[in-house]
C-alpha atoms as a PDB file:
ATOM      1  CA  UNK A   1     102.793  85.695  87.590  1.00  0.00           C
ATOM      2  CA  UNK A   2     100.131  84.444  87.404  1.00  0.00           C
ATOM      3  CA  UNK A   3      99.172  80.451  87.941  1.00  0.00           C
ATOM      4  CA  UNK A   4      98.574  78.364  85.206  1.00  0.00           C
ATOM      5  CA  UNK A   5      95.164  77.969  84.257  1.00  0.00           C
ATOM      6  CA  UNK A   6      93.162  75.230  83.259  1.00  0.00           C
ATOM      7  CA  UNK A   7      89.553  76.959  83.144  1.00  0.00           C
ATOM      8  CA  UNK A   8      88.721  76.450  79.240  1.00  0.00           C
ATOM      9  CA  UNK A   9      90.354  72.568  79.577  1.00  0.00           C
ATOM     10  CA  UNK A  10      88.157  72.159  82.349  1.00  0.00           C
ATOM     11  CA  UNK A  11      84.857  73.489  80.981  1.00  0.00           C
ATOM     12  CA  UNK A  12      84.678  73.600  77.639  1.00  0.00           C
ATOM     13  CA  UNK A  13      88.164  70.942  77.061  1.00  0.00           C
ATOM     14  CA  UNK A  14      85.949  68.242  75.299  1.00  0.00           C
ATOM     15  CA  UNK A  15      83.238  70.431  73.713  1.00  0.00           C
ATOM     16  CA  UNK A  16      85.134  73.513  72.459  1.00  0.00           C
ATOM     17  CA  UNK A  17      88.901  71.998  72.904  1.00  0.00           C
ATOM     18  CA  UNK A  18      90.689  74.668  70.543  1.00  0.00           C
ATOM     19  CA  UNK A  19      89.029  78.061  72.246  1.00  0.00           C
ATOM     20  CA  UNK A  20      89.777  75.649  75.579  1.00  0.00           C
ATOM     21  CA  UNK A  21      93.368  76.265  73.907  1.00  0.00           C
ATOM     22  CA  UNK A  22      93.067  79.504  73.319  1.00  0.00           C
ATOM     23  CA  UNK A  23      91.532  80.721  76.425  1.00  0.00           C
ATOM     24  CA  UNK A  24      93.844  79.155  78.613  1.00  0.00           C
ATOM     25  CA  UNK A  25      97.783  78.864  76.469  1.00  0.00           C
ATOM     26  CA  UNK A  26      97.088  82.583  74.692  1.00  0.00           C
ATOM     27  CA  UNK A  27      94.702  84.797  76.591  1.00  0.00           C
ATOM     28  CA  UNK A  28      96.233  83.403  80.279  1.00  0.00           C
ATOM     29  CA  UNK A  29      99.160  82.528  79.039  1.00  0.00           C
ATOM     30  CA  UNK A  30     100.622  85.154  76.519  1.00  0.00           C
ATOM     31  CA  UNK A  31      98.793  87.968  76.820  1.00  0.00           C
ATOM     32  CA  UNK A  32      98.437  87.624  80.876  1.00  0.00           C
ATOM     33  CA  UNK A  33     101.957  86.888  81.807  1.00  0.00           C
ATOM     34  CA  UNK A  34     102.879  89.897  80.292  1.00  0.00           C
ATOM     35  CA  UNK A  35     103.414  91.506  83.970  1.00  0.00           C
ATOM     36  CA  UNK A  36     106.928  93.772  82.127  1.00  0.00           C
ATOM     37  CA  UNK A  37     104.648  95.212  79.785  1.00  0.00           C
ATOM     38  CA  UNK A  38     101.660  95.610  81.682  1.00  0.00           C
ATOM     39  CA  UNK A  39     100.754  94.296  85.891  1.00  0.00           C
ATOM     40  CA  UNK A  40      98.318  91.960  87.032  1.00  0.00           C
ATOM     41  CA  UNK A  41      96.629  95.009  88.765  1.00  0.00           C
ATOM     42  CA  UNK A  42      96.202  97.070  86.281  1.00  0.00           C
ATOM     43  CA  UNK A  43      94.786  93.671  83.667  1.00  0.00           C
ATOM     44  CA  UNK A  44      92.258  93.353  86.120  1.00  0.00           C
ATOM     45  CA  UNK A  45      90.644  96.466  86.853  1.00  0.00           C
ATOM     46  CA  UNK A  46      91.024  96.594  82.952  1.00  0.00           C
ATOM     47  CA  UNK A  47      89.372  93.664  82.100  1.00  0.00           C
ATOM     48  CA  UNK A  48      86.836  94.062  85.116  1.00  0.00           C
ATOM     49  CA  UNK A  49      86.039  97.299  83.456  1.00  0.00           C
ATOM     50  CA  UNK A  50      85.875  95.909  80.368  1.00  0.00           C
ATOM     51  CA  UNK A  51      83.113  93.067  81.724  1.00  0.00           C
ATOM     52  CA  UNK A  52      80.562  95.631  83.732  1.00  0.00           C
ATOM     53  CA  UNK A  53      80.783  97.741  80.787  1.00  0.00           C
ATOM     54  CA  UNK A  54      79.178  94.971  77.910  1.00  0.00           C
ATOM     55  CA  UNK A  55      77.234  93.786  80.765  1.00  0.00           C
ATOM     56  CA  UNK A  56      79.164  90.347  81.112  1.00  0.00           C
ATOM     57  CA  UNK A  57      78.500  89.290  83.924  1.00  0.00           C
ATOM     58  CA  UNK A  58      78.448  85.549  83.927  1.00  0.00           C
ATOM     59  CA  UNK A  59      81.861  86.053  83.948  1.00  0.00           C
ATOM     60  CA  UNK A  60      82.838  89.066  86.425  1.00  0.00           C
ATOM     61  CA  UNK A  61      83.018  87.152  89.996  1.00  0.00           C
ATOM     62  CA  UNK A  62      85.696  85.853  88.781  1.00  0.00           C
ATOM     63  CA  UNK A  63      87.636  88.901  87.344  1.00  0.00           C
ATOM     64  CA  UNK A  64      86.532  90.470  90.215  1.00  0.00           C
ATOM     65  CA  UNK A  65      88.172  87.759  92.004  1.00  0.00           C
ATOM     66  CA  UNK A  66      90.886  87.888  90.375  1.00  0.00           C
ATOM     67  CA  UNK A  67      91.029  92.087  90.862  1.00  0.00           C
ATOM     68  CA  UNK A  68      90.684  91.555  94.297  1.00  0.00           C
ATOM     69  CA  UNK A  69      93.369  88.848  94.587  1.00  0.00           C
ATOM     70  CA  UNK A  70      95.713  91.376  92.250  1.00  0.00           C
ATOM     71  CA  UNK A  71      95.505  94.219  94.488  1.00  0.00           C
ATOM     72  CA  UNK A  72      92.352  96.147  94.313  1.00  0.00           C
ATOM     73  CA  UNK A  73      90.678  96.855  96.870  1.00  0.00           C
ATOM     74  CA  UNK A  74      86.958  97.336  98.206  1.00  0.00           C
ATOM     75  CA  UNK A  75      86.709 101.248  98.341  1.00  0.00           C
ATOM     76  CA  UNK A  76      89.215 101.178  94.603  1.00  0.00           C
ATOM     77  CA  UNK A  77      86.273  98.641  92.949  1.00  0.00           C
ATOM     78  CA  UNK A  78      83.195 101.112  94.805  1.00  0.00           C
ATOM     79  CA  UNK A  79      85.195 103.878  93.361  1.00  0.00           C
ATOM     80  CA  UNK A  80      85.539 102.257  89.806  1.00  0.00           C
ATOM     81  CA  UNK A  81      82.222 100.993  89.369  1.00  0.00           C
ATOM     82  CA  UNK A  82      80.856 104.368  90.451  1.00  0.00           C
ATOM     83  CA  UNK A  83      82.535 106.037  87.855  1.00  0.00           C
ATOM     84  CA  UNK A  84      81.447 103.807  85.425  1.00  0.00           C
ATOM     85  CA  UNK A  85      77.727 104.492  86.577  1.00  0.00           C
ATOM     86  CA  UNK A  86      77.686 107.868  84.116  1.00  0.00           C
ATOM     87  CA  UNK A  87      78.751 105.707  81.308  1.00  0.00           C
ATOM     88  CA  UNK A  88      77.829 102.320  81.125  1.00  0.00           C
ATOM     89  CA  UNK A  89      75.000 103.021  82.544  1.00  0.00           C
ATOM     90  CA  UNK A  90      73.322 102.509  86.039  1.00  0.00           C
ATOM     91  CA  UNK A  91      71.846  98.905  85.226  1.00  0.00           C
ATOM     92  CA  UNK A  92      75.593  97.375  84.996  1.00  0.00           C
ATOM     93  CA  UNK A  93      76.799  99.638  87.750  1.00  0.00           C
ATOM     94  CA  UNK A  94      74.360  98.256  90.142  1.00  0.00           C
ATOM     95  CA  UNK A  95      74.531  95.125  88.702  1.00  0.00           C
ATOM     96  CA  UNK A  96      78.367  95.428  89.109  1.00  0.00           C
ATOM     97  CA  UNK A  97      77.688  96.377  93.144  1.00  0.00           C
ATOM     98  CA  UNK A  98      76.178  93.218  93.441  1.00  0.00           C
ATOM     99  CA  UNK A  99      79.005  91.074  92.462  1.00  0.00           C
ATOM    100  CA  UNK A 100      81.648  93.236  94.115  1.00  0.00           C
ATOM    101  CA  UNK A 101      79.512  93.290  96.916  1.00  0.00           C
ATOM    102  CA  UNK A 102      79.876  89.293  97.076  1.00  0.00           C
ATOM    103  CA  UNK A 103      83.659  89.220  96.667  1.00  0.00           C
ATOM    104  CA  UNK A 104      84.774  92.101  98.967  1.00  0.00           C
ATOM    105  CA  UNK A 105      81.909  90.992 101.966  1.00  0.00           C
ATOM    106  CA  UNK A 106      84.337  86.922 101.285  1.00  0.00           C
END
């Protein structure tokens, strides 16, 4: 089971308390905890793929670290990004590789 998420409240709690609550309690609390329906590893794979596809690179380091913690290997992330390059664009893949190198080289 995933650890309790507090990033929303920690970073946005005073500014956007409802958004922080939805982030921590619904997205990470209710959705990510549904491991019977979809494993944390699979959720990480989907989330990283979605972020790369959208070019949402600010959120990518956290989610790549989570993916690594949830069992995605260095070889697998390299293959995932290579596959995505042909569907979501070379620049997105290149940027994603820069993030992945930092996470998996730690």
